[in-house]
C-alpha cells in the first residue's frame, strides 16, 4: 500500500463513524505496516480501541503497537510446525535484528557460528521463509521480528530473575 492508500484505508471507514485521524498517526501506521493492508487494518482497529475521543492521534497508535505486535506474533507462531530450539531461536533473533531478512552470510556473521543446519530447520518448521534464488531468508513481516525480540527478551529477563 502507498501512503495515500493507507490514508484512505484509515480515513474513509472512520469518517462514517464520525472519527478523524491525525496526520502523524497515519504516517506512523504507514511506516510500521510496511504497506501490508492487514497490518494497517490491525492498527486501525486497535488505535480506535485505545482512543478516548473521536480523533485518533499518534499516542493512540503508539498505544496500539503492542496489541498489533501480539496479534502478528500469534498469527506467526500458529503457522509453525514446531517450536524453534534455543540455537534456532538465536538464529531467528539474528534475522529479526537484520530487519526481518538476510542472506546466509549476513545471518552467519550476526550469529557468529555456522548456521546452515539451523536455517534449513527453521524453513522446514515454517519459522522462516526462503527465497533460494536470491539467497534470502526472511520473516513474513518485520513486525514478526519485533514480536520475537520483545517476547524472548521478556522471557530471558524473567528466567534470570527466577534464578
C-alpha atoms as a PDB file:
ATOM      1  CA  UNK A   1       0.000   0.000   0.000  1.00  0.00           C
ATOM      2  CA  UNK A   2       1.101   3.524  -0.689  1.00  0.00           C
ATOM      3  CA  UNK A   3       0.774   6.325   1.844  1.00  0.00           C
ATOM      4  CA  UNK A   4      -2.334   7.584   0.020  1.00  0.00           C
ATOM      5  CA  UNK A   5      -3.888   4.107   0.084  1.00  0.00           C
ATOM      6  CA  UNK A   6      -3.086   3.826   3.792  1.00  0.00           C
ATOM      7  CA  UNK A   7      -4.763   7.198   4.406  1.00  0.00           C
ATOM      8  CA  UNK A   8      -7.855   6.079   2.508  1.00  0.00           C
ATOM      9  CA  UNK A   9      -7.969   2.729   4.319  1.00  0.00           C
ATOM     10  CA  UNK A  10      -7.965   4.504   7.690  1.00  0.00           C
ATOM     11  CA  UNK A  11      -9.893   7.710   6.982  1.00  0.00           C
ATOM     12  CA  UNK A  12     -12.799   6.508   4.846  1.00  0.00           C
ATOM     13  CA  UNK A  13     -14.235   3.852   7.219  1.00  0.00           C
ATOM     14  CA  UNK A  14     -13.608   6.106  10.235  1.00  0.00           C
ATOM     15  CA  UNK A  15     -15.391   9.038   8.593  1.00  0.00           C
ATOM     16  CA  UNK A  16     -18.621   7.026   8.522  1.00  0.00           C
ATOM     17  CA  UNK A  17     -18.295   6.666  12.315  1.00  0.00           C
ATOM     18  CA  UNK A  18     -17.504  10.351  12.863  1.00  0.00           C
ATOM     19  CA  UNK A  19     -13.868   9.619  13.712  1.00  0.00           C
ATOM     20  CA  UNK A  20     -10.907  11.609  12.392  1.00  0.00           C
ATOM     21  CA  UNK A  21      -7.271  10.541  12.048  1.00  0.00           C
ATOM     22  CA  UNK A  22      -4.367  12.833  12.883  1.00  0.00           C
ATOM     23  CA  UNK A  23      -1.770  13.036  10.102  1.00  0.00           C
ATOM     24  CA  UNK A  24       1.097  11.892  12.371  1.00  0.00           C
ATOM     25  CA  UNK A  25      -0.889   8.816  13.388  1.00  0.00           C
ATOM     26  CA  UNK A  26      -1.408   7.848   9.739  1.00  0.00           C
ATOM     27  CA  UNK A  27       2.292   8.343   8.997  1.00  0.00           C
ATOM     28  CA  UNK A  28       3.203   6.049  11.909  1.00  0.00           C
ATOM     29  CA  UNK A  29       0.797   3.339  10.688  1.00  0.00           C
ATOM     30  CA  UNK A  30       2.147   3.603   7.151  1.00  0.00           C
ATOM     31  CA  UNK A  31       5.760   3.245   8.306  1.00  0.00           C
ATOM     32  CA  UNK A  32       5.087   0.441  10.812  1.00  0.00           C
ATOM     33  CA  UNK A  33       2.844  -1.568   8.457  1.00  0.00           C
ATOM     34  CA  UNK A  34       5.394  -1.568   5.613  1.00  0.00           C
ATOM     35  CA  UNK A  35       2.415  -1.361   3.254  1.00  0.00           C
ATOM     36  CA  UNK A  36       0.747  -4.596   4.358  1.00  0.00           C
ATOM     37  CA  UNK A  37      -3.029  -3.959   4.244  1.00  0.00           C
ATOM     38  CA  UNK A  38      -3.889  -6.360   7.076  1.00  0.00           C
ATOM     39  CA  UNK A  39      -1.366  -4.627   9.368  1.00  0.00           C
ATOM     40  CA  UNK A  40      -2.949  -1.248   8.511  1.00  0.00           C
ATOM     41  CA  UNK A  41      -6.324  -2.722   9.473  1.00  0.00           C
ATOM     42  CA  UNK A  42      -4.934  -4.006  12.776  1.00  0.00           C
ATOM     43  CA  UNK A  43      -3.541  -0.580  13.642  1.00  0.00           C
ATOM     44  CA  UNK A  44      -6.891   0.954  12.739  1.00  0.00           C
ATOM     45  CA  UNK A  45      -8.805  -1.429  14.976  1.00  0.00           C
ATOM     46  CA  UNK A  46      -6.506  -1.199  17.984  1.00  0.00           C
ATOM     47  CA  UNK A  47      -5.954   2.562  17.704  1.00  0.00           C
ATOM     48  CA  UNK A  48      -9.718   3.039  17.827  1.00  0.00           C
ATOM     49  CA  UNK A  49      -9.852   0.779  20.885  1.00  0.00           C
ATOM     50  CA  UNK A  50      -7.221   2.979  22.584  1.00  0.00           C
ATOM     51  CA  UNK A  51      -8.741   6.318  21.589  1.00  0.00           C
ATOM     52  CA  UNK A  52     -10.959   8.048  24.105  1.00  0.00           C
ATOM     53  CA  UNK A  53     -12.085  10.747  21.685  1.00  0.00           C
ATOM     54  CA  UNK A  54     -13.385  10.987  18.116  1.00  0.00           C
ATOM     55  CA  UNK A  55      -9.841  11.803  16.965  1.00  0.00           C
ATOM     56  CA  UNK A  56      -7.177   9.106  16.638  1.00  0.00           C
ATOM     57  CA  UNK A  57      -3.798  10.635  17.425  1.00  0.00           C
ATOM     58  CA  UNK A  58      -0.198   9.433  17.499  1.00  0.00           C
ATOM     59  CA  UNK A  59      -0.496   8.425  21.159  1.00  0.00           C
ATOM     60  CA  UNK A  60      -3.433   6.135  20.361  1.00  0.00           C
ATOM     61  CA  UNK A  61      -1.474   4.463  17.576  1.00  0.00           C
ATOM     62  CA  UNK A  62       1.624   4.039  19.743  1.00  0.00           C
ATOM     63  CA  UNK A  63      -0.574   2.535  22.482  1.00  0.00           C
ATOM     64  CA  UNK A  64      -1.964   0.125  19.872  1.00  0.00           C
ATOM     65  CA  UNK A  65       1.518  -1.007  18.800  1.00  0.00           C
ATOM     66  CA  UNK A  66       1.848  -3.729  21.488  1.00  0.00           C
ATOM     67  CA  UNK A  67      -1.572  -5.133  20.556  1.00  0.00           C
ATOM     68  CA  UNK A  68      -0.596  -5.238  16.881  1.00  0.00           C
ATOM     69  CA  UNK A  69       2.711  -6.953  17.717  1.00  0.00           C
ATOM     70  CA  UNK A  70       0.935  -9.580  19.810  1.00  0.00           C
ATOM     71  CA  UNK A  71      -1.610 -10.327  17.093  1.00  0.00           C
ATOM     72  CA  UNK A  72       1.006 -10.547  14.335  1.00  0.00           C
ATOM     73  CA  UNK A  73       3.162 -12.691  16.619  1.00  0.00           C
ATOM     74  CA  UNK A  74       0.352 -15.079  17.447  1.00  0.00           C
ATOM     75  CA  UNK A  75      -0.514 -15.482  13.749  1.00  0.00           C
ATOM     76  CA  UNK A  76       3.142 -16.080  13.018  1.00  0.00           C
ATOM     77  CA  UNK A  77       3.576 -18.708  15.740  1.00  0.00           C
ATOM     78  CA  UNK A  78       0.356 -20.531  14.788  1.00  0.00           C
ATOM     79  CA  UNK A  79       1.990 -21.268  11.418  1.00  0.00           C
ATOM     80  CA  UNK A  80       4.965 -23.004  12.995  1.00  0.00           C
ATOM     81  CA  UNK A  81       5.103 -26.781  12.677  1.00  0.00           C
ATOM     82  CA  UNK A  82       7.331 -26.940  15.758  1.00  0.00           C
ATOM     83  CA  UNK A  83       8.885 -24.547  18.288  1.00  0.00           C
ATOM     84  CA  UNK A  84      12.443 -23.485  17.481  1.00  0.00           C
ATOM     85  CA  UNK A  85      15.244 -24.910  19.600  1.00  0.00           C
ATOM     86  CA  UNK A  86      17.340 -22.447  21.650  1.00  0.00           C
ATOM     87  CA  UNK A  87      20.014 -22.308  18.913  1.00  0.00           C
ATOM     88  CA  UNK A  88      17.360 -21.900  16.215  1.00  0.00           C
ATOM     89  CA  UNK A  89      15.830 -19.111  18.266  1.00  0.00           C
ATOM     90  CA  UNK A  90      19.231 -17.420  18.331  1.00  0.00           C
ATOM     91  CA  UNK A  91      19.251 -17.551  14.511  1.00  0.00           C
ATOM     92  CA  UNK A  92      15.661 -16.234  14.321  1.00  0.00           C
ATOM     93  CA  UNK A  93      16.548 -13.310  16.572  1.00  0.00           C
ATOM     94  CA  UNK A  94      19.565 -12.566  14.380  1.00  0.00           C
ATOM     95  CA  UNK A  95      17.243 -12.365  11.358  1.00  0.00           C
ATOM     96  CA  UNK A  96      14.986 -10.042  13.365  1.00  0.00           C
ATOM     97  CA  UNK A  97      17.969  -7.804  14.210  1.00  0.00           C
ATOM     98  CA  UNK A  98      18.811  -7.691  10.497  1.00  0.00           C
ATOM     99  CA  UNK A  99      15.424  -6.079   9.851  1.00  0.00           C
ATOM    100  CA  UNK A 100      13.489  -9.262   9.163  1.00  0.00           C
ATOM    101  CA  UNK A 101      15.602 -10.678   6.347  1.00  0.00           C
ATOM    102  CA  UNK A 102      19.161 -11.506   5.431  1.00  0.00           C
ATOM    103  CA  UNK A 103      21.449 -13.576   3.311  1.00  0.00           C
ATOM    104  CA  UNK A 104      23.089 -16.708   4.656  1.00  0.00           C
ATOM    105  CA  UNK A 105      26.397 -14.881   5.127  1.00  0.00           C
ATOM    106  CA  UNK A 106      24.820 -11.884   6.891  1.00  0.00           C
ATOM    107  CA  UNK A 107      22.979 -14.198   9.302  1.00  0.00           C
ATOM    108  CA  UNK A 108      26.118 -16.270   9.899  1.00  0.00           C
ATOM    109  CA  UNK A 109      28.103 -13.099  10.645  1.00  0.00           C
ATOM    110  CA  UNK A 110      25.411 -11.877  13.041  1.00  0.00           C
ATOM    111  CA  UNK A 111      25.243 -15.195  14.942  1.00  0.00           C
ATOM    112  CA  UNK A 112      28.976 -15.925  14.813  1.00  0.00           C
ATOM    113  CA  UNK A 113      28.689 -19.664  14.099  1.00  0.00           C
ATOM    114  CA  UNK A 114      27.791 -21.937  11.180  1.00  0.00           C
ATOM    115  CA  UNK A 115      24.024 -21.556  10.655  1.00  0.00           C
ATOM    116  CA  UNK A 116      23.180 -23.671   7.586  1.00  0.00           C
ATOM    117  CA  UNK A 117      21.574 -26.538   9.527  1.00  0.00           C
ATOM    118  CA  UNK A 118      19.567 -24.139  11.702  1.00  0.00           C
ATOM    119  CA  UNK A 119      18.313 -22.179   8.682  1.00  0.00           C
ATOM    120  CA  UNK A 120      17.182 -25.420   6.993  1.00  0.00           C
ATOM    121  CA  UNK A 121      15.361 -26.498  10.155  1.00  0.00           C
ATOM    122  CA  UNK A 122      13.712 -23.090  10.578  1.00  0.00           C
ATOM    123  CA  UNK A 123      12.462 -23.184   6.991  1.00  0.00           C
ATOM    124  CA  UNK A 124      11.155 -26.751   7.500  1.00  0.00           C
ATOM    125  CA  UNK A 125       9.403 -25.666  10.721  1.00  0.00           C
ATOM    126  CA  UNK A 126       7.902 -22.676   8.858  1.00  0.00           C
ATOM    127  CA  UNK A 127       9.556 -20.210  11.214  1.00  0.00           C
ATOM    128  CA  UNK A 128      11.440 -18.627   8.297  1.00  0.00           C
ATOM    129  CA  UNK A 129      10.740 -18.251   4.613  1.00  0.00           C
ATOM    130  CA  UNK A 130      13.413 -18.690   1.961  1.00  0.00           C
ATOM    131  CA  UNK A 131      13.989 -17.193  -1.470  1.00  0.00           C
ATOM    132  CA  UNK A 132      16.571 -19.631  -2.826  1.00  0.00           C
ATOM    133  CA  UNK A 133      17.174 -17.635  -5.995  1.00  0.00           C
ATOM    134  CA  UNK A 134      18.294 -14.606  -4.004  1.00  0.00           C
ATOM    135  CA  UNK A 135      19.882 -16.500  -1.091  1.00  0.00           C
ATOM    136  CA  UNK A 136      17.500 -14.686   1.275  1.00  0.00           C
ATOM    137  CA  UNK A 137      15.880 -15.874   4.476  1.00  0.00           C
ATOM    138  CA  UNK A 138      13.095 -13.754   5.861  1.00  0.00           C
ATOM    139  CA  UNK A 139      10.260 -13.404   8.324  1.00  0.00           C
ATOM    140  CA  UNK A 140       6.744 -12.998   6.889  1.00  0.00           C
ATOM    141  CA  UNK A 141       6.706  -9.384   8.150  1.00  0.00           C
ATOM    142  CA  UNK A 142       9.262  -7.266  10.020  1.00  0.00           C
ATOM    143  CA  UNK A 143       6.758  -6.932  12.891  1.00  0.00           C
ATOM    144  CA  UNK A 144       7.168 -10.682  13.462  1.00  0.00           C
ATOM    145  CA  UNK A 145      10.818  -9.922  14.221  1.00  0.00           C
ATOM    146  CA  UNK A 146       9.819  -7.117  16.588  1.00  0.00           C
ATOM    147  CA  UNK A 147       7.425  -9.517  18.304  1.00  0.00           C
ATOM    148  CA  UNK A 148      10.123 -12.184  18.709  1.00  0.00           C
ATOM    149  CA  UNK A 149      12.589  -9.651  20.084  1.00  0.00           C
ATOM    150  CA  UNK A 150      10.101  -8.374  22.661  1.00  0.00           C
ATOM    151  CA  UNK A 151       8.769 -11.828  23.573  1.00  0.00           C
ATOM    152  CA  UNK A 152      12.099 -13.526  24.045  1.00  0.00           C
ATOM    153  CA  UNK A 153      13.783 -10.571  25.713  1.00  0.00           C
ATOM    154  CA  UNK A 154      10.998 -10.683  28.299  1.00  0.00           C
ATOM    155  CA  UNK A 155      11.333 -14.428  28.869  1.00  0.00           C
ATOM    156  CA  UNK A 156      15.120 -14.185  29.147  1.00  0.00           C
ATOM    157  CA  UNK A 157      14.721 -11.471  31.783  1.00  0.00           C
ATOM    158  CA  UNK A 158      12.151 -13.473  33.755  1.00  0.00           C
ATOM    159  CA  UNK A 159      14.397 -16.546  33.631  1.00  0.00           C
ATOM    160  CA  UNK A 160      17.304 -14.523  35.004  1.00  0.00           C
ATOM    161  CA  UNK A 161      15.109 -13.064  37.744  1.00  0.00           C
ATOM    162  CA  UNK A 162      13.934 -16.526  38.842  1.00  0.00           C
ATOM    163  CA  UNK A 163      17.449 -17.917  39.194  1.00  0.00           C
END
